Amino acid sequence: GEKFDAALDTCKTLLQNVLEQPDEAKFRTIRLGNAAFHQRLGQFPSGIALLRSLGFEDANAADGSPGGDGLPAYLALPVADAALLAQGLVLVAASREASLLVASERGGG
């Protein structure tokens, strides 16, 4: 569906940005309270779990304060492991292909 596709696109963009500019801190930090991120990917526990499996870690704001509801304010990637991030891109691409296959078998695409 559209939400799944948007989540995959967002994950792909996040991973590509880090791979293309691994030393750029802004691409290695995701504000969990960002409305656009939440709408596209953050609302899905599996999306957050995928990012964590690729090396992103819970992080609080610079002043040490958590985000809303006592949850972490950010996901941060302390080390950009290119091989691991590339594996993540492969998983995202495979998920996209599987989604398209299922949709075509259902007559939805």
PDB file of N, CA and C in Angstrom:
ATOM      1  N   GLY A   1       0.812  -1.195   0.000  1.00  0.00           N
ATOM      2  CA  GLY A   1       0.000   0.000   0.000  1.00  0.00           C
ATOM      3  C   GLY A   1       0.854   1.256   0.000  1.00  0.00           C
ATOM      4  N   GLU A   2       0.199   2.360  -0.034  1.00  0.00           N
ATOM      5  CA  GLU A   2       0.899   3.648  -0.091  1.00  0.00           C
ATOM      6  C   GLU A   2       1.764   3.912   1.137  1.00  0.00           C
ATOM      7  N   LYS A   3       1.251   3.575   2.325  1.00  0.00           N
ATOM      8  CA  LYS A   3       2.029   3.814   3.546  1.00  0.00           C
ATOM      9  C   LYS A   3       3.294   2.960   3.565  1.00  0.00           C
ATOM     10  N   PHE A   4       3.169   1.718   3.108  1.00  0.00           N
ATOM     11  CA  PHE A   4       4.324   0.823   3.061  1.00  0.00           C
ATOM     12  C   PHE A   4       5.360   1.366   2.081  1.00  0.00           C
ATOM     13  N   ASP A   5       4.900   1.803   0.921  1.00  0.00           N
ATOM     14  CA  ASP A   5       5.810   2.367  -0.087  1.00  0.00           C
ATOM     15  C   ASP A   5       6.507   3.618   0.438  1.00  0.00           C
ATOM     16  N   ALA A   6       5.761   4.477   1.119  1.00  0.00           N
ATOM     17  CA  ALA A   6       6.350   5.694   1.680  1.00  0.00           C
ATOM     18  C   ALA A   6       7.390   5.354   2.744  1.00  0.00           C
ATOM     19  N   ALA A   7       7.100   4.335   3.553  1.00  0.00           N
ATOM     20  CA  ALA A   7       8.061   3.913   4.582  1.00  0.00           C
ATOM     21  C   ALA A   7       9.337   3.390   3.940  1.00  0.00           C
ATOM     22  N   LEU A   8       9.190   2.578   2.899  1.00  0.00           N
ATOM     23  CA  LEU A   8      10.370   2.054   2.200  1.00  0.00           C
ATOM     24  C   LEU A   8      11.166   3.179   1.548  1.00  0.00           C
ATOM     25  N   ASP A   9      10.478   4.111   0.906  1.00  0.00           N
ATOM     26  CA  ASP A   9      11.169   5.238   0.264  1.00  0.00           C
ATOM     27  C   ASP A   9      11.940   6.062   1.283  1.00  0.00           C
ATOM     28  N   THR A  10      11.320   6.300   2.430  1.00  0.00           N
ATOM     29  CA  THR A  10      11.973   7.086   3.481  1.00  0.00           C
ATOM     30  C   THR A  10      13.204   6.369   4.004  1.00  0.00           C
ATOM     31  N   CYS A  11      13.079   5.085   4.253  1.00  0.00           N
ATOM     32  CA  CYS A  11      14.217   4.302   4.737  1.00  0.00           C
ATOM     33  C   CYS A  11      15.341   4.306   3.707  1.00  0.00           C
ATOM     34  N   LYS A  12      14.990   4.114   2.457  1.00  0.00           N
ATOM     35  CA  LYS A  12      15.986   4.120   1.382  1.00  0.00           C
ATOM     36  C   LYS A  12      16.723   5.455   1.334  1.00  0.00           C
ATOM     37  N   THR A  13      15.980   6.550   1.414  1.00  0.00           N
ATOM     38  CA  THR A  13      16.598   7.878   1.377  1.00  0.00           C
ATOM     39  C   THR A  13      17.534   8.092   2.558  1.00  0.00           C
ATOM     40  N   LEU A  14      17.086   7.698   3.754  1.00  0.00           N
ATOM     41  CA  LEU A  14      17.932   7.850   4.949  1.00  0.00           C
ATOM     42  C   LEU A  14      19.245   7.091   4.782  1.00  0.00           C
ATOM     43  N   LEU A  15      19.152   5.853   4.318  1.00  0.00           N
ATOM     44  CA  LEU A  15      20.354   5.028   4.175  1.00  0.00           C
ATOM     45  C   LEU A  15      21.268   5.549   3.074  1.00  0.00           C
ATOM     46  N   GLN A  16      20.698   5.950   1.942  1.00  0.00           N
ATOM     47  CA  GLN A  16      21.516   6.484   0.850  1.00  0.00           C
ATOM     48  C   GLN A  16      22.235   7.756   1.274  1.00  0.00           C
ATOM     49  N   ASN A  17      21.545   8.617   2.017  1.00  0.00           N
ATOM     50  CA  ASN A  17      22.181   9.861   2.467  1.00  0.00           C
ATOM     51  C   ASN A  17      23.399   9.584   3.332  1.00  0.00           C
ATOM     52  N   VAL A  18      23.267   8.618   4.241  1.00  0.00           N
ATOM     53  CA  VAL A  18      24.406   8.287   5.108  1.00  0.00           C
ATOM     54  C   VAL A  18      25.529   7.666   4.290  1.00  0.00           C
ATOM     55  N   LEU A  19      25.185   6.780   3.372  1.00  0.00           N
ATOM     56  CA  LEU A  19      26.219   6.138   2.551  1.00  0.00           C
ATOM     57  C   LEU A  19      26.954   7.148   1.677  1.00  0.00           C
ATOM     58  N   GLU A  20      26.232   8.134   1.152  1.00  0.00           N
ATOM     59  CA  GLU A  20      26.855   9.131   0.277  1.00  0.00           C
ATOM     60  C   GLU A  20      27.662  10.164   1.053  1.00  0.00           C
ATOM     61  N   GLN A  21      27.251  10.460   2.288  1.00  0.00           N
ATOM     62  CA  GLN A  21      27.948  11.466   3.102  1.00  0.00           C
ATOM     63  C   GLN A  21      28.053  10.964   4.546  1.00  0.00           C
ATOM     64  N   PRO A  22      28.876   9.948   4.780  1.00  0.00           N
ATOM     65  CA  PRO A  22      28.927   9.310   6.102  1.00  0.00           C
ATOM     66  C   PRO A  22      29.424  10.207   7.235  1.00  0.00           C
ATOM     67  N   ASP A  23      30.139  11.262   6.914  1.00  0.00           N
ATOM     68  CA  ASP A  23      30.653  12.136   7.970  1.00  0.00           C
ATOM     69  C   ASP A  23      29.703  13.284   8.297  1.00  0.00           C
ATOM     70  N   GLU A  24      28.595  13.380   7.578  1.00  0.00           N
ATOM     71  CA  GLU A  24      27.628  14.471   7.776  1.00  0.00           C
ATOM     72  C   GLU A  24      26.659  14.084   8.890  1.00  0.00           C
ATOM     73  N   ALA A  25      26.807  14.737  10.046  1.00  0.00           N
ATOM     74  CA  ALA A  25      26.019  14.384  11.231  1.00  0.00           C
ATOM     75  C   ALA A  25      24.516  14.503  10.994  1.00  0.00           C
ATOM     76  N   LYS A  26      24.105  15.459  10.167  1.00  0.00           N
ATOM     77  CA  LYS A  26      22.659  15.645   9.977  1.00  0.00           C
ATOM     78  C   LYS A  26      22.005  14.436   9.318  1.00  0.00           C
ATOM     79  N   PHE A  27      22.771  13.651   8.581  1.00  0.00           N
ATOM     80  CA  PHE A  27      22.206  12.456   7.954  1.00  0.00           C
ATOM     81  C   PHE A  27      22.262  11.248   8.879  1.00  0.00           C
ATOM     82  N   ARG A  28      23.007  11.362   9.982  1.00  0.00           N
ATOM     83  CA  ARG A  28      23.147  10.251  10.922  1.00  0.00           C
ATOM     84  C   ARG A  28      22.300  10.467  12.170  1.00  0.00           C
ATOM     85  N   THR A  29      21.440  11.492  12.145  1.00  0.00           N
ATOM     86  CA  THR A  29      20.576  11.793  13.280  1.00  0.00           C
ATOM     87  C   THR A  29      19.147  11.992  12.786  1.00  0.00           C
ATOM     88  N   ILE A  30      18.213  11.304  13.418  1.00  0.00           N
ATOM     89  CA  ILE A  30      16.801  11.394  13.043  1.00  0.00           C
ATOM     90  C   ILE A  30      16.022  11.856  14.271  1.00  0.00           C
ATOM     91  N   ARG A  31      15.341  12.973  14.148  1.00  0.00           N
ATOM     92  CA  ARG A  31      14.513  13.475  15.250  1.00  0.00           C
ATOM     93  C   ARG A  31      13.195  12.713  15.221  1.00  0.00           C
ATOM     94  N   LEU A  32      12.959  11.920  16.251  1.00  0.00           N
ATOM     95  CA  LEU A  32      11.772  11.073  16.290  1.00  0.00           C
ATOM     96  C   LEU A  32      10.489  11.887  16.356  1.00  0.00           C
ATOM     97  N   GLY A  33      10.561  13.111  16.842  1.00  0.00           N
ATOM     98  CA  GLY A  33       9.387  13.969  16.911  1.00  0.00           C
ATOM     99  C   GLY A  33       9.067  14.689  15.610  1.00  0.00           C
ATOM    100  N   ASN A  34       9.896  14.507  14.592  1.00  0.00           N
ATOM    101  CA  ASN A  34       9.657  15.136  13.295  1.00  0.00           C
ATOM    102  C   ASN A  34       8.376  14.559  12.701  1.00  0.00           C
ATOM    103  N   ALA A  35       7.405  15.444  12.405  1.00  0.00           N
ATOM    104  CA  ALA A  35       6.095  14.992  11.936  1.00  0.00           C
ATOM    105  C   ALA A  35       6.188  14.229  10.618  1.00  0.00           C
ATOM    106  N   ALA A  36       7.003  14.703   9.692  1.00  0.00           N
ATOM    107  CA  ALA A  36       7.124  14.037   8.395  1.00  0.00           C
ATOM    108  C   ALA A  36       7.740  12.649   8.564  1.00  0.00           C
ATOM    109  N   PHE A  37       8.783  12.544   9.385  1.00  0.00           N
ATOM    110  CA  PHE A  37       9.398  11.239   9.628  1.00  0.00           C
ATOM    111  C   PHE A  37       8.389  10.293  10.274  1.00  0.00           C
ATOM    112  N   HIS A  38       7.657  10.801  11.272  1.00  0.00           N
ATOM    113  CA  HIS A  38       6.680   9.953  11.960  1.00  0.00           C
ATOM    114  C   HIS A  38       5.610   9.456  10.985  1.00  0.00           C
ATOM    115  N   GLN A  39       5.123  10.334  10.142  1.00  0.00           N
ATOM    116  CA  GLN A  39       4.071   9.961   9.197  1.00  0.00           C
ATOM    117  C   GLN A  39       4.560   8.913   8.201  1.00  0.00           C
ATOM    118  N   ARG A  40       5.798   9.065   7.731  1.00  0.00           N
ATOM    119  CA  ARG A  40       6.303   8.183   6.680  1.00  0.00           C
ATOM    120  C   ARG A  40       6.878   6.866   7.193  1.00  0.00           C
ATOM    121  N   LEU A  41       7.600   6.923   8.329  1.00  0.00           N
ATOM    122  CA  LEU A  41       8.301   5.725   8.796  1.00  0.00           C
ATOM    123  C   LEU A  41       8.187   5.515  10.303  1.00  0.00           C
ATOM    124  N   GLY A  42       8.297   6.568  11.067  1.00  0.00           N
ATOM    125  CA  GLY A  42       8.385   6.459  12.522  1.00  0.00           C
ATOM    126  C   GLY A  42       7.183   5.865  13.213  1.00  0.00           C
ATOM    127  N   GLN A  43       6.019   5.922  12.565  1.00  0.00           N
ATOM    128  CA  GLN A  43       4.814   5.366  13.189  1.00  0.00           C
ATOM    129  C   GLN A  43       4.825   3.837  13.206  1.00  0.00           C
ATOM    130  N   PHE A  44       5.719   3.255  12.434  1.00  0.00           N
ATOM    131  CA  PHE A  44       5.782   1.801  12.332  1.00  0.00           C
ATOM    132  C   PHE A  44       6.908   1.255  13.206  1.00  0.00           C
ATOM    133  N   PRO A  45       6.577   0.493  14.252  1.00  0.00           N
ATOM    134  CA  PRO A  45       7.632  -0.074  15.112  1.00  0.00           C
ATOM    135  C   PRO A  45       8.666  -0.868  14.320  1.00  0.00           C
ATOM    136  N   SER A  46       8.233  -1.539  13.264  1.00  0.00           N
ATOM    137  CA  SER A  46       9.183  -2.325  12.472  1.00  0.00           C
ATOM    138  C   SER A  46      10.166  -1.421  11.724  1.00  0.00           C
ATOM    139  N   GLY A  47       9.737  -0.221  11.354  1.00  0.00           N
ATOM    140  CA  GLY A  47      10.646   0.722  10.698  1.00  0.00           C
ATOM    141  C   GLY A  47      11.739   1.185  11.646  1.00  0.00           C
ATOM    142  N   ILE A  48      11.338   1.501  12.874  1.00  0.00           N
ATOM    143  CA  ILE A  48      12.318   1.903  13.893  1.00  0.00           C
ATOM    144  C   ILE A  48      13.240   0.717  14.202  1.00  0.00           C
ATOM    145  N   ALA A  49      12.674  -0.477  14.293  1.00  0.00           N
ATOM    146  CA  ALA A  49      13.482  -1.675  14.565  1.00  0.00           C
ATOM    147  C   ALA A  49      14.503  -1.902  13.461  1.00  0.00           C
ATOM    148  N   LEU A  50      14.104  -1.681  12.211  1.00  0.00           N
ATOM    149  CA  LEU A  50      15.046  -1.847  11.098  1.00  0.00           C
ATOM    150  C   LEU A  50      16.205  -0.865  11.240  1.00  0.00           C
ATOM    151  N   LEU A  51      15.896   0.398  11.518  1.00  0.00           N
ATOM    152  CA  LEU A  51      16.964   1.392  11.675  1.00  0.00           C
ATOM    153  C   LEU A  51      17.895   1.020  12.825  1.00  0.00           C
ATOM    154  N   ARG A  52      17.331   0.541  13.923  1.00  0.00           N
ATOM    155  CA  ARG A  52      18.164   0.108  15.051  1.00  0.00           C
ATOM    156  C   ARG A  52      19.047  -1.068  14.656  1.00  0.00           C
ATOM    157  N   SER A  53      18.514  -1.990  13.855  1.00  0.00           N
ATOM    158  CA  SER A  53      19.310  -3.142  13.446  1.00  0.00           C
ATOM    159  C   SER A  53      20.464  -2.743  12.528  1.00  0.00           C
ATOM    160  N   LEU A  54      20.354  -1.552  11.934  1.00  0.00           N
ATOM    161  CA  LEU A  54      21.401  -1.061  11.036  1.00  0.00           C
ATOM    162  C   LEU A  54      22.383  -0.130  11.746  1.00  0.00           C
ATOM    163  N   GLY A  55      22.250  -0.032  13.067  1.00  0.00           N
ATOM    164  CA  GLY A  55      23.224   0.712  13.848  1.00  0.00           C
ATOM    165  C   GLY A  55      22.727   1.983  14.493  1.00  0.00           C
ATOM    166  N   PHE A  56      21.503   2.409  14.189  1.00  0.00           N
ATOM    167  CA  PHE A  56      20.963   3.602  14.845  1.00  0.00           C
ATOM    168  C   PHE A  56      20.660   3.276  16.297  1.00  0.00           C
ATOM    169  N   GLU A  57      20.918   4.235  17.179  1.00  0.00           N
ATOM    170  CA  GLU A  57      20.723   4.044  18.617  1.00  0.00           C
ATOM    171  C   GLU A  57      19.855   5.161  19.165  1.00  0.00           C
ATOM    172  N   ASP A  58      19.148   4.861  20.248  1.00  0.00           N
ATOM    173  CA  ASP A  58      18.362   5.886  20.929  1.00  0.00           C
ATOM    174  C   ASP A  58      19.294   6.955  21.471  1.00  0.00           C
ATOM    175  N   ALA A  59      18.865   8.221  21.348  1.00  0.00           N
ATOM    176  CA  ALA A  59      19.674   9.327  21.862  1.00  0.00           C
ATOM    177  C   ALA A  59      18.741  10.424  22.354  1.00  0.00           C
ATOM    178  N   ASN A  60      19.165  11.099  23.405  1.00  0.00           N
ATOM    179  CA  ASN A  60      18.410  12.230  23.922  1.00  0.00           C
ATOM    180  C   ASN A  60      18.911  13.517  23.285  1.00  0.00           C
ATOM    181  N   ALA A  61      18.214  14.595  23.540  1.00  0.00           N
ATOM    182  CA  ALA A  61      18.618  15.894  23.017  1.00  0.00           C
ATOM    183  C   ALA A  61      19.983  16.272  23.593  1.00  0.00           C
ATOM    184  N   ALA A  62      20.608  17.277  23.000  1.00  0.00           N
ATOM    185  CA  ALA A  62      21.944  17.706  23.427  1.00  0.00           C
ATOM    186  C   ALA A  62      21.984  18.056  24.909  1.00  0.00           C
ATOM    187  N   ASP A  63      20.876  18.565  25.442  1.00  0.00           N
ATOM    188  CA  ASP A  63      20.836  18.920  26.863  1.00  0.00           C
ATOM    189  C   ASP A  63      20.524  17.717  27.751  1.00  0.00           C
ATOM    190  N   GLY A  64      20.419  16.534  27.133  1.00  0.00           N
ATOM    191  CA  GLY A  64      20.172  15.307  27.881  1.00  0.00           C
ATOM    192  C   GLY A  64      18.708  14.983  28.083  1.00  0.00           C
ATOM    193  N   SER A  65      17.830  15.862  27.620  1.00  0.00           N
ATOM    194  CA  SER A  65      16.409  15.625  27.844  1.00  0.00           C
ATOM    195  C   SER A  65      15.844  14.657  26.809  1.00  0.00           C
ATOM    196  N   PRO A  66      14.928  13.802  27.262  1.00  0.00           N
ATOM    197  CA  PRO A  66      14.296  12.881  26.316  1.00  0.00           C
ATOM    198  C   PRO A  66      13.258  13.602  25.469  1.00  0.00           C
ATOM    199  N   GLY A  67      12.696  12.870  24.544  1.00  0.00           N
ATOM    200  CA  GLY A  67      11.611  13.419  23.735  1.00  0.00           C
ATOM    201  C   GLY A  67      10.306  13.337  24.502  1.00  0.00           C
ATOM    202  N   GLY A  68       9.187  13.421  23.794  1.00  0.00           N
ATOM    203  CA  GLY A  68       7.884  13.347  24.425  1.00  0.00           C
ATOM    204  C   GLY A  68       7.635  11.994  25.063  1.00  0.00           C
ATOM    205  N   ASP A  69       6.851  11.985  26.123  1.00  0.00           N
ATOM    206  CA  ASP A  69       6.484  10.763  26.835  1.00  0.00           C
ATOM    207  C   ASP A  69       7.693  10.022  27.400  1.00  0.00           C
ATOM    208  N   GLY A  70       8.813  10.715  27.582  1.00  0.00           N
ATOM    209  CA  GLY A  70       9.997  10.086  28.135  1.00  0.00           C
ATOM    210  C   GLY A  70      10.732   9.180  27.163  1.00  0.00           C
ATOM    211  N   LEU A  71      10.285   9.156  25.921  1.00  0.00           N
ATOM    212  CA  LEU A  71      10.942   8.344  24.898  1.00  0.00           C
ATOM    213  C   LEU A  71      12.175   9.066  24.385  1.00  0.00           C
ATOM    214  N   PRO A  72      13.068   8.368  23.693  1.00  0.00           N
ATOM    215  CA  PRO A  72      14.251   9.051  23.148  1.00  0.00           C
ATOM    216  C   PRO A  72      13.843  10.152  22.165  1.00  0.00           C
ATOM    217  N   ALA A  73      14.635  11.198  22.120  1.00  0.00           N
ATOM    218  CA  ALA A  73      14.345  12.319  21.221  1.00  0.00           C
ATOM    219  C   ALA A  73      14.809  12.025  19.801  1.00  0.00           C
ATOM    220  N   TYR A  74      15.858  11.215  19.677  1.00  0.00           N
ATOM    221  CA  TYR A  74      16.486  10.973  18.379  1.00  0.00           C
ATOM    222  C   TYR A  74      16.860   9.512  18.215  1.00  0.00           C
ATOM    223  N   LEU A  75      17.096   9.153  16.974  1.00  0.00           N
ATOM    224  CA  LEU A  75      17.877   7.969  16.643  1.00  0.00           C
ATOM    225  C   LEU A  75      19.166   8.511  16.052  1.00  0.00           C
ATOM    226  N   ALA A  76      20.284   8.042  16.551  1.00  0.00           N
ATOM    227  CA  ALA A  76      21.575   8.524  16.069  1.00  0.00           C
ATOM    228  C   ALA A  76      22.427   7.336  15.631  1.00  0.00           C
ATOM    229  N   LEU A  77      23.199   7.559  14.600  1.00  0.00           N
ATOM    230  CA  LEU A  77      24.084   6.526  14.063  1.00  0.00           C
ATOM    231  C   LEU A  77      25.516   6.914  14.409  1.00  0.00           C
ATOM    232  N   PRO A  78      26.073   6.345  15.496  1.00  0.00           N
ATOM    233  CA  PRO A  78      27.413   6.749  15.904  1.00  0.00           C
ATOM    234  C   PRO A  78      28.491   6.365  14.897  1.00  0.00           C
ATOM    235  N   VAL A  79      28.322   5.218  14.252  1.00  0.00           N
ATOM    236  CA  VAL A  79      29.291   4.749  13.265  1.00  0.00           C
ATOM    237  C   VAL A  79      28.535   4.336  12.010  1.00  0.00           C
ATOM    238  N   ALA A  80      28.925   4.908  10.885  1.00  0.00           N
ATOM    239  CA  ALA A  80      28.286   4.563   9.614  1.00  0.00           C
ATOM    240  C   ALA A  80      29.008   3.360   9.014  1.00  0.00           C
ATOM    241  N   ASP A  81      28.488   2.181   9.269  1.00  0.00           N
ATOM    242  CA  ASP A  81      29.058   0.938   8.747  1.00  0.00           C
ATOM    243  C   ASP A  81      28.507   0.744   7.336  1.00  0.00           C
ATOM    244  N   ALA A  82      29.333   1.055   6.335  1.00  0.00           N
ATOM    245  CA  ALA A  82      28.879   1.043   4.939  1.00  0.00           C
ATOM    246  C   ALA A  82      28.329  -0.316   4.528  1.00  0.00           C
ATOM    247  N   ALA A  83      28.962  -1.393   4.935  1.00  0.00           N
ATOM    248  CA  ALA A  83      28.493  -2.727   4.551  1.00  0.00           C
ATOM    249  C   ALA A  83      27.117  -3.013   5.143  1.00  0.00           C
ATOM    250  N   LEU A  84      26.930  -2.663   6.405  1.00  0.00           N
ATOM    251  CA  LEU A  84      25.654  -2.895   7.065  1.00  0.00           C
ATOM    252  C   LEU A  84      24.556  -2.034   6.449  1.00  0.00           C
ATOM    253  N   LEU A  85      24.868  -0.775   6.167  1.00  0.00           N
ATOM    254  CA  LEU A  85      23.888   0.118   5.546  1.00  0.00           C
ATOM    255  C   LEU A  85      23.534  -0.357   4.138  1.00  0.00           C
ATOM    256  N   ALA A  86      24.513  -0.861   3.418  1.00  0.00           N
ATOM    257  CA  ALA A  86      24.253  -1.394   2.078  1.00  0.00           C
ATOM    258  C   ALA A  86      23.337  -2.616   2.166  1.00  0.00           C
ATOM    259  N   GLN A  87      23.538  -3.456   3.182  1.00  0.00           N
ATOM    260  CA  GLN A  87      22.637  -4.589   3.387  1.00  0.00           C
ATOM    261  C   GLN A  87      21.219  -4.096   3.647  1.00  0.00           C
ATOM    262  N   GLY A  88      21.107  -3.001   4.377  1.00  0.00           N
ATOM    263  CA  GLY A  88      19.798  -2.410   4.627  1.00  0.00           C
ATOM    264  C   GLY A  88      19.128  -1.976   3.341  1.00  0.00           C
ATOM    265  N   LEU A  89      19.900  -1.384   2.437  1.00  0.00           N
ATOM    266  CA  LEU A  89      19.342  -0.989   1.139  1.00  0.00           C
ATOM    267  C   LEU A  89      18.866  -2.205   0.354  1.00  0.00           C
ATOM    268  N   VAL A  90      19.608  -3.307   0.429  1.00  0.00           N
ATOM    269  CA  VAL A  90      19.196  -4.539  -0.250  1.00  0.00           C
ATOM    270  C   VAL A  90      17.871  -5.034   0.338  1.00  0.00           C
ATOM    271  N   LEU A  91      17.735  -4.991   1.653  1.00  0.00           N
ATOM    272  CA  LEU A  91      16.484  -5.408   2.295  1.00  0.00           C
ATOM    273  C   LEU A  91      15.310  -4.536   1.857  1.00  0.00           C
ATOM    274  N   VAL A  92      15.547  -3.226   1.784  1.00  0.00           N
ATOM    275  CA  VAL A  92      14.497  -2.306   1.359  1.00  0.00           C
ATOM    276  C   VAL A  92      14.088  -2.604  -0.083  1.00  0.00           C
ATOM    277  N   ALA A  93      15.072  -2.828  -0.950  1.00  0.00           N
ATOM    278  CA  ALA A  93      14.776  -3.132  -2.360  1.00  0.00           C
ATOM    279  C   ALA A  93      14.008  -4.451  -2.474  1.00  0.00           C
ATOM    280  N   ALA A  94      14.397  -5.456  -1.699  1.00  0.00           N
ATOM    281  CA  ALA A  94      13.703  -6.745  -1.734  1.00  0.00           C
ATOM    282  C   ALA A  94      12.270  -6.599  -1.219  1.00  0.00           C
ATOM    283  N   SER A  95      12.088  -5.784  -0.212  1.00  0.00           N
ATOM    284  CA  SER A  95      10.743  -5.548   0.311  1.00  0.00           C
ATOM    285  C   SER A  95       9.869  -4.866  -0.728  1.00  0.00           C
ATOM    286  N   ARG A  96      10.451  -3.925  -1.447  1.00  0.00           N
ATOM    287  CA  ARG A  96       9.722  -3.227  -2.504  1.00  0.00           C
ATOM    288  C   ARG A  96       9.293  -4.224  -3.586  1.00  0.00           C
ATOM    289  N   GLU A  97      10.209  -5.072  -4.014  1.00  0.00           N
ATOM    290  CA  GLU A  97       9.882  -6.056  -5.058  1.00  0.00           C
ATOM    291  C   GLU A  97       8.805  -7.024  -4.583  1.00  0.00           C
ATOM    292  N   ALA A  98       8.907  -7.472  -3.343  1.00  0.00           N
ATOM    293  CA  ALA A  98       7.902  -8.389  -2.808  1.00  0.00           C
ATOM    294  C   ALA A  98       6.538  -7.716  -2.744  1.00  0.00           C
ATOM    295  N   SER A  99       6.525  -6.464  -2.350  1.00  0.00           N
ATOM    296  CA  SER A  99       5.266  -5.714  -2.282  1.00  0.00           C
ATOM    297  C   SER A  99       4.629  -5.585  -3.657  1.00  0.00           C
ATOM    298  N   LEU A 100       5.443  -5.295  -4.658  1.00  0.00           N
ATOM    299  CA  LEU A 100       4.923  -5.170  -6.019  1.00  0.00           C
ATOM    300  C   LEU A 100       4.393  -6.512  -6.527  1.00  0.00           C
ATOM    301  N   LEU A 101       5.087  -7.584  -6.199  1.00  0.00           N
ATOM    302  CA  LEU A 101       4.652  -8.909  -6.620  1.00  0.00           C
ATOM    303  C   LEU A 101       3.302  -9.265  -5.997  1.00  0.00           C
ATOM    304  N   VAL A 102       3.167  -9.014  -4.716  1.00  0.00           N
ATOM    305  CA  VAL A 102       1.909  -9.292  -4.023  1.00  0.00           C
ATOM    306  C   VAL A 102       0.784  -8.453  -4.619  1.00  0.00           C
ATOM    307  N   ALA A 103       1.058  -7.178  -4.872  1.00  0.00           N
ATOM    308  CA  ALA A 103       0.039  -6.301  -5.445  1.00  0.00           C
ATOM    309  C   ALA A 103      -0.385  -6.782  -6.817  1.00  0.00           C
ATOM    310  N   SER A 104       0.567  -7.222  -7.633  1.00  0.00           N
ATOM    311  CA  SER A 104       0.225  -7.669  -8.997  1.00  0.00           C
ATOM    312  C   SER A 104      -0.574  -8.972  -8.946  1.00  0.00           C
ATOM    313  N   GLU A 105      -0.266  -9.848  -7.992  1.00  0.00           N
ATOM    314  CA  GLU A 105      -1.009 -11.106  -7.869  1.00  0.00           C
ATOM    315  C   GLU A 105      -2.429 -10.864  -7.387  1.00  0.00           C
ATOM    316  N   ARG A 106      -2.618  -9.783  -6.642  1.00  0.00           N
ATOM    317  CA  ARG A 106      -3.964  -9.429  -6.162  1.00  0.00           C
ATOM    318  C   ARG A 106      -4.714  -8.595  -7.205  1.00  0.00           C
ATOM    319  N   GLY A 107      -4.019  -8.242  -8.276  1.00  0.00           N
ATOM    320  CA  GLY A 107      -4.660  -7.408  -9.282  1.00  0.00           C
ATOM    321  C   GLY A 107      -4.608  -5.935  -8.959  1.00  0.00           C
ATOM    322  N   GLY A 108      -3.734  -5.574  -7.992  1.00  0.00           N
ATOM    323  CA  GLY A 108      -3.657  -4.179  -7.567  1.00  0.00           C
ATOM    324  C   GLY A 108      -2.496  -3.435  -8.159  1.00  0.00           C
ATOM    325  N   GLY A 109      -1.799  -3.973  -9.124  1.00  0.00           N
ATOM    326  CA  GLY A 109      -0.676  -3.235  -9.651  1.00  0.00           C
ATOM    327  C   GLY A 109      -0.117  -3.894 -10.792  1.00  0.00           C
TER     328      GLY A 109
END
